[in-house]
C-alpha atoms as a PDB file:
ATOM      1  CA  MET A   1      14.542 -21.247   1.427  1.00  0.00           C
ATOM      2  CA  SER A   2      18.236 -21.797   0.995  1.00  0.00           C
ATOM      3  CA  ALA A   3      21.094 -21.589   2.530  1.00  0.00           C
ATOM      4  CA  THR A   4      22.366 -19.202   0.696  1.00  0.00           C
ATOM      5  CA  ASP A   5      19.688 -16.549   1.230  1.00  0.00           C
ATOM      6  CA  ALA A   6      19.339 -17.523   5.402  1.00  0.00           C
ATOM      7  CA  LYS A   7      23.046 -16.867   5.561  1.00  0.00           C
ATOM      8  CA  THR A   8      22.766 -13.712   3.348  1.00  0.00           C
ATOM      9  CA  GLY A   9      19.382 -12.771   5.084  1.00  0.00           C
ATOM     10  CA  GLY A  10      17.967 -12.694   1.812  1.00  0.00           C
ATOM     11  CA  GLY A  11      17.984  -8.856   1.371  1.00  0.00           C
ATOM     12  CA  LEU A  12      15.248  -9.045   5.282  1.00  0.00           C
ATOM     13  CA  GLU A  13      16.529  -5.822   7.532  1.00  0.00           C
ATOM     14  CA  LYS A  14      17.205  -6.770  10.764  1.00  0.00           C
ATOM     15  CA  PHE A  15      14.578  -6.371  13.463  1.00  0.00           C
ATOM     16  CA  ASN A  16      16.167  -3.425  15.878  1.00  0.00           C
ATOM     17  CA  GLY A  17      13.529  -4.006  18.241  1.00  0.00           C
ATOM     18  CA  LYS A  18      11.481  -1.406  17.177  1.00  0.00           C
ATOM     19  CA  SER A  19       7.828  -1.714  15.339  1.00  0.00           C
ATOM     20  CA  TYR A  20       7.427  -5.453  15.933  1.00  0.00           C
ATOM     21  CA  THR A  21       4.111  -5.698  14.206  1.00  0.00           C
ATOM     22  CA  MET A  22       5.431  -4.133  10.527  1.00  0.00           C
ATOM     23  CA  TRP A  23       9.003  -6.458  10.814  1.00  0.00           C
ATOM     24  CA  LYS A  24       7.212  -9.910  11.821  1.00  0.00           C
ATOM     25  CA  ASP A  25       5.251  -8.959   8.552  1.00  0.00           C
ATOM     26  CA  LYS A  26       8.461  -8.471   6.511  1.00  0.00           C
ATOM     27  CA  LEU A  27       9.528 -11.671   7.909  1.00  0.00           C
ATOM     28  CA  LEU A  28       6.660 -14.255   7.323  1.00  0.00           C
ATOM     29  CA  THR A  29       6.670 -12.381   4.054  1.00  0.00           C
ATOM     30  CA  HIS A  30      10.057 -13.183   3.388  1.00  0.00           C
ATOM     31  CA  VAL A  31       9.829 -16.647   4.211  1.00  0.00           C
ATOM     32  CA  ASN A  32       7.057 -17.455   2.013  1.00  0.00           C
ATOM     33  CA  THR A  33       9.138 -15.631  -0.966  1.00  0.00           C
ATOM     34  CA  LEU A  34      12.126 -17.997  -0.059  1.00  0.00           C
ATOM     35  CA  ASP A  35      10.111 -21.227   0.379  1.00  0.00           C
ATOM     36  CA  HIS A  36       8.572 -20.189  -3.069  1.00  0.00           C
ATOM     37  CA  GLU A  37      11.647 -19.853  -5.290  1.00  0.00           C
ATOM     38  CA  TYR A  38      12.504 -23.524  -3.490  1.00  0.00           C
ATOM     39  CA  GLN A  39       9.393 -25.116  -4.617  1.00  0.00           C
ATOM     40  CA  THR A  40       9.582 -23.686  -7.981  1.00  0.00           C
ATOM     41  CA  LYS A  41      13.619 -24.588  -8.317  1.00  0.00           C
ATOM     42  CA  LEU A  42      12.529 -28.188  -7.391  1.00  0.00           C
ATOM     43  CA  LEU A  43       9.772 -28.053  -9.948  1.00  0.00           C
ATOM     44  CA  GLU A  44      12.363 -27.087 -12.421  1.00  0.00           C
ATOM     45  CA  LYS A  45      14.448 -29.678 -11.606  1.00  0.00           C
ATOM     46  CA  GLY A  46      11.813 -32.451 -11.733  1.00  0.00           C
ATOM     47  CA  GLN A  47      10.880 -34.696  -9.233  1.00  0.00           C
ATOM     48  CA  PRO A  48      13.335 -36.823  -7.136  1.00  0.00           C
ATOM     49  CA  GLU A  49      14.242 -40.293  -7.580  1.00  0.00           C
ATOM     50  CA  ALA A  50      11.917 -42.891  -7.428  1.00  0.00           C
ATOM     51  CA  LYS A  51      14.311 -44.711  -4.715  1.00  0.00           C
ATOM     52  CA  VAL A  52      13.250 -41.822  -2.287  1.00  0.00           C
ATOM     53  CA  LEU A  53      11.296 -43.141   0.049  1.00  0.00           C
ATOM     54  CA  GLU A  54       8.031 -40.085   0.276  1.00  0.00           C
ATOM     55  CA  MET A  55       8.501 -39.895   3.920  1.00  0.00           C
ATOM     56  CA  ARG A  56      12.069 -39.852   3.715  1.00  0.00           C
ATOM     57  CA  TRP A  57      12.060 -36.496   1.570  1.00  0.00           C
ATOM     58  CA  ASP A  58       9.276 -35.305   3.573  1.00  0.00           C
ATOM     59  CA  VAL A  59      11.723 -35.140   6.417  1.00  0.00           C
ATOM     60  CA  ALA A  60      14.295 -33.618   4.236  1.00  0.00           C
ATOM     61  CA  HIS A  61      12.389 -30.964   3.390  1.00  0.00           C
ATOM     62  CA  TRP A  62      11.268 -30.452   6.886  1.00  0.00           C
ATOM     63  CA  ARG A  63      15.065 -30.465   8.127  1.00  0.00           C
ATOM     64  CA  ARG A  64      16.030 -28.472   5.544  1.00  0.00           C
ATOM     65  CA  GLY A  65      13.545 -25.328   6.350  1.00  0.00           C
ATOM     66  CA  ARG A  66      14.275 -25.685   9.869  1.00  0.00           C
ATOM     67  CA  GLY A  67      17.975 -25.300   9.747  1.00  0.00           C
ATOM     68  CA  ASP A  68      17.657 -22.378   7.115  1.00  0.00           C
ATOM     69  CA  LEU A  69      15.104 -20.572   9.509  1.00  0.00           C
ATOM     70  CA  GLN A  70      17.559 -21.254  12.465  1.00  0.00           C
ATOM     71  CA  ASN A  71      20.287 -19.486  10.401  1.00  0.00           C
ATOM     72  CA  LEU A  72      18.027 -16.189   9.242  1.00  0.00           C
ATOM     73  CA  LEU A  73      16.738 -15.825  13.049  1.00  0.00           C
ATOM     74  CA  ASN A  74      20.551 -15.936  13.523  1.00  0.00           C
ATOM     75  CA  ARG A  75      21.006 -13.278  11.052  1.00  0.00           C
ATOM     76  CA  VAL A  76      17.703 -10.663  11.571  1.00  0.00           C
ATOM     77  CA  LEU A  77      18.049 -11.216  15.234  1.00  0.00           C
ATOM     78  CA  PRO A  78      19.345  -8.506  17.862  1.00  0.00           C
ATOM     79  CA  ASN A  79      22.055  -9.260  20.572  1.00  0.00           C
ATOM     80  CA  PHE A  80      20.236  -7.913  23.568  1.00  0.00           C
ATOM     81  CA  PHE A  81      17.620 -11.049  22.490  1.00  0.00           C
ATOM     82  CA  LEU A  82      19.662 -13.687  21.082  1.00  0.00           C
ATOM     83  CA  SER A  83      21.302 -13.365  24.712  1.00  0.00           C
ATOM     84  CA  THR A  84      18.323 -14.073  26.753  1.00  0.00           C
ATOM     85  CA  LEU A  85      17.157 -16.680  24.904  1.00  0.00           C
ATOM     86  CA  PRO A  86      17.670 -20.273  26.977  1.00  0.00           C
ATOM     87  CA  ASP A  87      19.949 -22.193  24.161  1.00  0.00           C
ATOM     88  CA  VAL A  88      21.657 -20.702  21.046  1.00  0.00           C
ATOM     89  CA  VAL A  89      19.285 -20.737  18.022  1.00  0.00           C
ATOM     90  CA  SER A  90      20.657 -23.627  16.008  1.00  0.00           C
ATOM     91  CA  SER A  91      19.313 -25.889  19.229  1.00  0.00           C
ATOM     92  CA  MET A  92      16.012 -24.423  19.629  1.00  0.00           C
ATOM     93  CA  ASP A  93      12.908 -24.776  17.459  1.00  0.00           C
ATOM     94  CA  PRO A  94      12.207 -21.604  15.206  1.00  0.00           C
ATOM     95  CA  CYS A  95       8.749 -22.373  16.323  1.00  0.00           C
ATOM     96  CA  GLU A  96      10.087 -21.340  20.037  1.00  0.00           C
ATOM     97  CA  VAL A  97      12.219 -18.607  18.799  1.00  0.00           C
ATOM     98  CA  ILE A  98       9.427 -16.728  17.681  1.00  0.00           C
ATOM     99  CA  ARG A  99       6.980 -17.299  20.960  1.00  0.00           C
ATOM    100  CA  LEU A 100       9.960 -15.593  22.938  1.00  0.00           C
ATOM    101  CA  LEU A 101      10.495 -12.810  20.254  1.00  0.00           C
ATOM    102  CA  GLU A 102       6.052 -12.162  20.570  1.00  0.00           C
ATOM    103  CA  LYS A 103       6.401 -12.666  24.718  1.00  0.00           C
ATOM    104  CA  ASP A 104       9.304  -9.348  24.482  1.00  0.00           C
ATOM    105  CA  PHE A 105       8.440  -7.562  21.590  1.00  0.00           C
ATOM    106  CA  GLY A 106       4.630  -8.586  20.512  1.00  0.00           C
ATOM    107  CA  GLN A 107       2.177  -5.750  21.191  1.00  0.00           C
ATOM    108  CA  GLY A 108      -1.941  -6.456  22.239  1.00  0.00           C
ATOM    109  CA  ASP A 109      -4.880  -6.381  19.566  1.00  0.00           C
ATOM    110  CA  ALA A 110      -5.461  -2.937  20.365  1.00  0.00           C
ATOM    111  CA  ALA A 111      -2.075  -1.414  20.019  1.00  0.00           C
ATOM    112  CA  GLY A 112      -0.965  -3.687  17.206  1.00  0.00           C
ATOM    113  CA  LEU A 113      -3.947  -2.114  15.054  1.00  0.00           C
ATOM    114  CA  ILE A 114      -2.880   1.687  16.499  1.00  0.00           C
ATOM    115  CA  GLU A 115       0.392   0.998  14.624  1.00  0.00           C
ATOM    116  CA  LEU A 116      -0.800  -0.252  11.622  1.00  0.00           C
ATOM    117  CA  THR A 117      -3.134   2.533  11.498  1.00  0.00           C
ATOM    118  CA  ARG A 118      -0.367   4.818  12.315  1.00  0.00           C
ATOM    119  CA  SER A 119       1.731   3.675   9.347  1.00  0.00           C
ATOM    120  CA  LEU A 120      -0.915   4.070   6.989  1.00  0.00           C
ATOM    121  CA  THR A 121      -1.609   7.654   7.595  1.00  0.00           C
ATOM    122  CA  LYS A 122       1.642   8.609   7.813  1.00  0.00           C
ATOM    123  CA  LEU A 123       2.247   6.688   4.312  1.00  0.00           C
ATOM    124  CA  THR A 124       0.186   9.952   2.586  1.00  0.00           C
ATOM    125  CA  ARG A 125       2.412  12.906   4.929  1.00  0.00           C
ATOM    126  CA  THR A 126       5.706  11.448   4.218  1.00  0.00           C
ATOM    127  CA  PRO A 127       7.122  12.668   0.670  1.00  0.00           C
ATOM    128  CA  TRP A 128       5.936   9.922  -1.578  1.00  0.00           C
ATOM    129  CA  HIS A 129       7.846   8.690  -5.184  1.00  0.00           C
ATOM    130  CA  ASP A 130       5.154   8.791  -6.856  1.00  0.00           C
ATOM    131  CA  LEU A 131       1.279   7.768  -7.446  1.00  0.00           C
ATOM    132  CA  ARG A 132       1.857   3.841  -8.426  1.00  0.00           C
ATOM    133  CA  THR A 133       4.495   3.445  -5.239  1.00  0.00           C
ATOM    134  CA  LEU A 134       2.464   5.493  -3.320  1.00  0.00           C
ATOM    135  CA  PHE A 135      -1.326   3.451  -3.994  1.00  0.00           C
ATOM    136  CA  ALA A 136       0.812  -0.037  -3.565  1.00  0.00           C
ATOM    137  CA  GLN A 137       1.716   0.974  -0.437  1.00  0.00           C
ATOM    138  CA  LEU A 138      -1.724   2.356   0.944  1.00  0.00           C
ATOM    139  CA  LYS A 139      -3.676  -1.178  -0.744  1.00  0.00           C
ATOM    140  CA  LYS A 140      -0.706  -3.079   1.130  1.00  0.00           C
ATOM    141  CA  ALA A 141      -1.163  -1.388   4.212  1.00  0.00           C
ATOM    142  CA  ARG A 142      -5.008  -1.545   3.864  1.00  0.00           C
ATOM    143  CA  ASN A 143      -5.042  -5.089   3.526  1.00  0.00           C
ATOM    144  CA  GLU A 144      -2.851  -5.232   6.626  1.00  0.00           C
ATOM    145  CA  ILE A 145      -5.360  -3.637   8.546  1.00  0.00           C
ATOM    146  CA  ASN A 146      -8.232  -4.852   7.639  1.00  0.00           C
ATOM    147  CA  ARG A 147      -7.354  -8.299   7.954  1.00  0.00           C
ATOM    148  CA  LYS A 148      -6.524  -7.423  11.303  1.00  0.00           C
ATOM    149  CA  THR A 149     -10.136  -6.150  11.872  1.00  0.00           C
ATOM    150  CA  ARG A 150     -11.667  -8.872  10.338  1.00  0.00           C
ATOM    151  CA  LYS A 151      -9.841 -11.324  12.898  1.00  0.00           C
ATOM    152  CA  LEU A 152     -11.189  -8.768  15.693  1.00  0.00           C
ATOM    153  CA  PHE A 153     -14.472  -7.389  14.812  1.00  0.00           C
ATOM    154  CA  ASN A 154     -15.674 -10.073  11.625  1.00  0.00           C
ATOM    155  CA  GLN A 155     -15.300  -6.414   9.630  1.00  0.00           C
ATOM    156  CA  ASP A 156     -13.178  -4.604   7.272  1.00  0.00           C
ATOM    157  CA  MET A 157     -11.674  -0.543   8.820  1.00  0.00           C
ATOM    158  CA  VAL A 158     -10.303   1.160   6.111  1.00  0.00           C
ATOM    159  CA  SER A 159     -13.060   1.396   3.229  1.00  0.00           C
ATOM    160  CA  GLU A 160     -12.148   1.884  -0.511  1.00  0.00           C
ATOM    161  CA  SER A 161     -13.889   5.488  -0.447  1.00  0.00           C
ATOM    162  CA  TRP A 162     -11.483   6.439   2.857  1.00  0.00           C
ATOM    163  CA  LEU A 163      -8.605   5.393   1.302  1.00  0.00           C
ATOM    164  CA  CYS A 164      -9.487   7.645  -1.974  1.00  0.00           C
ATOM    165  CA  VAL A 165     -10.395  10.725   0.402  1.00  0.00           C
ATOM    166  CA  GLU A 166      -7.144  10.390   2.341  1.00  0.00           C
ATOM    167  CA  VAL A 167      -5.372  10.577  -1.139  1.00  0.00           C
ATOM    168  CA  LEU A 168      -7.340  13.383  -2.802  1.00  0.00           C
ATOM    169  CA  SER A 169      -6.672  15.395   0.669  1.00  0.00           C
ATOM    170  CA  GLN A 170      -3.191  15.283  -0.234  1.00  0.00           C
ATOM    171  CA  LEU A 171      -3.277  16.670  -3.763  1.00  0.00           C
ATOM    172  CA  PRO A 172      -4.382  20.200  -4.870  1.00  0.00           C
ATOM    173  CA  SER A 173      -8.192  19.626  -5.617  1.00  0.00           C
ATOM    174  CA  GLU A 174      -7.521  22.319  -8.833  1.00  0.00           C
ATOM    175  CA  TYR A 175      -6.205  19.539 -10.975  1.00  0.00           C
ATOM    176  CA  TRP A 176      -8.046  16.709  -9.710  1.00  0.00           C
ATOM    177  CA  ALA A 177     -11.705  17.906  -8.883  1.00  0.00           C
ATOM    178  CA  SER A 178     -13.449  17.751 -12.425  1.00  0.00           C
ATOM    179  CA  SER A 179     -12.034  14.226 -13.140  1.00  0.00           C
ATOM    180  CA  ILE A 180     -12.795  12.421 -10.432  1.00  0.00           C
ATOM    181  CA  SER A 181     -16.429  10.838 -10.857  1.00  0.00           C
ATOM    182  CA  MET A 182     -18.270  10.687  -6.900  1.00  0.00           C
ATOM    183  CA  THR A 183     -20.251   7.629  -7.981  1.00  0.00           C
ATOM    184  CA  LYS A 184     -20.837   4.231  -6.298  1.00  0.00           C
ATOM    185  CA  GLU A 185     -18.789   2.697  -9.276  1.00  0.00           C
ATOM    186  CA  ASP A 186     -16.460   4.794 -10.221  1.00  0.00           C
ATOM    187  CA  PHE A 187     -15.189   6.353  -6.725  1.00  0.00           C
ATOM    188  CA  THR A 188     -13.239   3.027  -6.553  1.00  0.00           C
ATOM    189  CA  VAL A 189      -9.458   2.675  -5.297  1.00  0.00           C
ATOM    190  CA  ASP A 190      -8.349   1.647  -8.850  1.00  0.00           C
ATOM    191  CA  LYS A 191     -10.140   4.123 -10.881  1.00  0.00           C
ATOM    192  CA  VAL A 192      -9.312   7.174  -8.711  1.00  0.00           C
ATOM    193  CA  GLU A 193      -5.641   5.855  -9.030  1.00  0.00           C
ATOM    194  CA  GLY A 194      -6.316   5.216 -13.108  1.00  0.00           C
ATOM    195  CA  ALA A 195      -7.241   9.329 -12.960  1.00  0.00           C
ATOM    196  CA  LEU A 196      -4.673  10.997 -10.413  1.00  0.00           C
ATOM    197  CA  ARG A 197      -2.124   9.045 -12.655  1.00  0.00           C
ATOM    198  CA  ARG A 198      -3.253  10.431 -15.844  1.00  0.00           C
ATOM    199  CA  ILE A 199      -3.107  13.800 -14.427  1.00  0.00           C
ATOM    200  CA  PHE A 200      -0.030  13.886 -12.317  1.00  0.00           C
ATOM    201  CA  GLY A 201       2.004  11.252 -14.265  1.00  0.00           C
ATOM    202  CA  GLU A 202       5.531   9.866 -12.560  1.00  0.00           C
ATOM    203  CA  LYS A 203       5.323  12.937 -10.693  1.00  0.00           C
ATOM    204  CA  SER A 204       6.621  13.368  -7.217  1.00  0.00           C
ATOM    205  CA  LYS A 205       4.852  14.862  -3.766  1.00  0.00           C
ATOM    206  CA  LYS A 206       7.054  17.642  -3.606  1.00  0.00           C
ATOM    207  CA  ASP A 207       6.966  17.678  -8.226  1.00  0.00           C
ATOM    208  CA  VAL A 208       3.177  18.055  -7.198  1.00  0.00           C
ATOM    209  CA  GLY A 209       3.564  20.974  -5.057  1.00  0.00           C
ATOM    210  CA  LEU A 210       5.641  22.853  -7.644  1.00  0.00           C
ATOM    211  CA  MET A 211       3.588  22.235 -10.423  1.00  0.00           C
ATOM    212  CA  ASP A 212       2.125  25.880 -11.877  1.00  0.00           C
ATOM    213  CA  LYS A 213      -1.527  26.348 -10.480  1.00  0.00           C
ATOM    214  CA  THR A 214      -2.616  27.568 -14.285  1.00  0.00           C
ATOM    215  CA  GLN A 215      -1.727  24.117 -15.731  1.00  0.00           C
ATOM    216  CA  VAL A 216      -5.008  22.831 -14.709  1.00  0.00           C
ATOM    217  CA  THR A 217      -6.629  19.916 -16.727  1.00  0.00           C
ATOM    218  CA  HIS A 218      -8.349  21.217 -20.188  1.00  0.00           C
ATOM    219  CA  ILE A 219     -12.059  20.321 -19.030  1.00  0.00           C
ATOM    220  CA  ASN A 220     -11.229  23.058 -16.750  1.00  0.00           C
ATOM    221  CA  ASN A 221     -10.309  25.222 -18.799  1.00  0.00           C
ATOM    222  CA  VAL A 222     -13.177  24.696 -21.138  1.00  0.00           C
ATOM    223  CA  ARG A 223     -15.699  25.109 -17.809  1.00  0.00           C
ATOM    224  CA  ALA A 224     -14.188  28.306 -16.575  1.00  0.00           C
ATOM    225  CA  LYS A 225     -14.672  30.032 -20.215  1.00  0.00           C
ATOM    226  CA  VAL A 226     -18.381  28.634 -20.980  1.00  0.00           C
ATOM    227  CA  PHE A 227     -19.063  29.438 -16.941  1.00  0.00           C
ATOM    228  CA  GLY A 228     -16.917  32.717 -17.074  1.00  0.00           C
ATOM    229  CA  GLN A 229     -18.936  34.136 -19.435  1.00  0.00           C
ATOM    230  CA  LYS A 230     -21.351  37.020 -17.563  1.00  0.00           C
ATOM    231  CA  ARG A 231     -23.907  39.271 -19.804  1.00  0.00           C
ATOM    232  CA  LYS A 232     -23.466  42.700 -21.066  1.00  0.00           C
ATOM    233  CA  PRO A 233     -24.890  45.430 -19.591  1.00  0.00           C
ATOM    234  CA  THR A 234     -27.369  47.098 -22.445  1.00  0.00           C
ATOM    235  CA  SER A 235     -29.309  50.081 -22.176  1.00  0.00           C
ATOM    236  CA  THR A 236     -32.220  48.699 -24.002  1.00  0.00           C
ATOM    237  CA  GLU A 237     -34.910  45.848 -23.890  1.00  0.00           C
ATOM    238  CA  GLY A 238     -34.858  44.793 -27.090  1.00  0.00           C
ATOM    239  CA  ASP A 239     -30.340  44.055 -27.098  1.00  0.00           C
ATOM    240  CA  ARG A 240     -30.762  41.951 -23.811  1.00  0.00           C
ATOM    241  CA  SER A 241     -29.407  38.375 -24.264  1.00  0.00           C
ATOM    242  CA  CYS A 242     -30.126  35.541 -23.597  1.00  0.00           C
ATOM    243  CA  PHE A 243     -29.429  34.175 -20.048  1.00  0.00           C
ATOM    244  CA  TYR A 244     -28.200  31.052 -21.452  1.00  0.00           C
ATOM    245  CA  CYS A 245     -26.678  30.996 -24.896  1.00  0.00           C
ATOM    246  CA  PHE A 246     -25.644  34.986 -24.489  1.00  0.00           C
ATOM    247  CA  LYS A 247     -27.396  35.495 -27.426  1.00  0.00           C
ATOM    248  CA  THR A 248     -30.178  37.951 -28.767  1.00  0.00           C
ATOM    249  CA  ALA A 249     -32.881  37.991 -31.312  1.00  0.00           C
ATOM    250  CA  HIS A 250     -35.429  34.959 -29.212  1.00  0.00           C
ATOM    251  CA  PHE A 251     -34.929  36.699 -25.665  1.00  0.00           C
ATOM    252  CA  LYS A 252     -38.131  36.017 -23.689  1.00  0.00           C
ATOM    253  CA  SER A 253     -40.329  38.694 -23.167  1.00  0.00           C
ATOM    254  CA  ASP A 254     -41.927  39.712 -19.396  1.00  0.00           C
END
């Protein structure tokens, strides 16, 4: 994590005192990303000089990370929280700052799980930009929830089929009904996402709602033509048509 990124916040939004569980995940993801970028730059530059002892090199890494994390916390934590700390952040261990943050804003297991579940449901209810983005956000939210429930109950709470149904319930069924296979092998997030993106493309939720209801998929049109045919009424038994192919000449007599 570079000092420049830490001073500017590196794109991490400031904590406003609400939705701590979600913000904490963003913080951890942000720190991991910055650390990965730093390590990548070291590899590109090559190994440290031979005269630098390995232990001294590790200490330098530790001090760099500690200082950068202190700067980052100073940038993103609200003043009303910083003013309650026993010392300035630059003089405190970052782990102690996080511990106090957890004490003030952290939620219990049940409350945290409910917040994550609400955020997942909200994703499908609010106007989304396109299906690719929606599915990416849903997968991330699903992984967060399942990670927590595996820790609490040793099992996943959000299944693939549940996630698929949640998305399908927000889309007009006349467009996708004939393209989604409800089998264990085919009813997966990846396959359902692929099928829906082929149907709706890059349309937003608003655009999908404005689609012409007559523009259904080709397979639906074919099915409508075949199953929409009716037997014509006839006056004599000899002119009656076959129930299956609508043709005459081989109608089975009673």
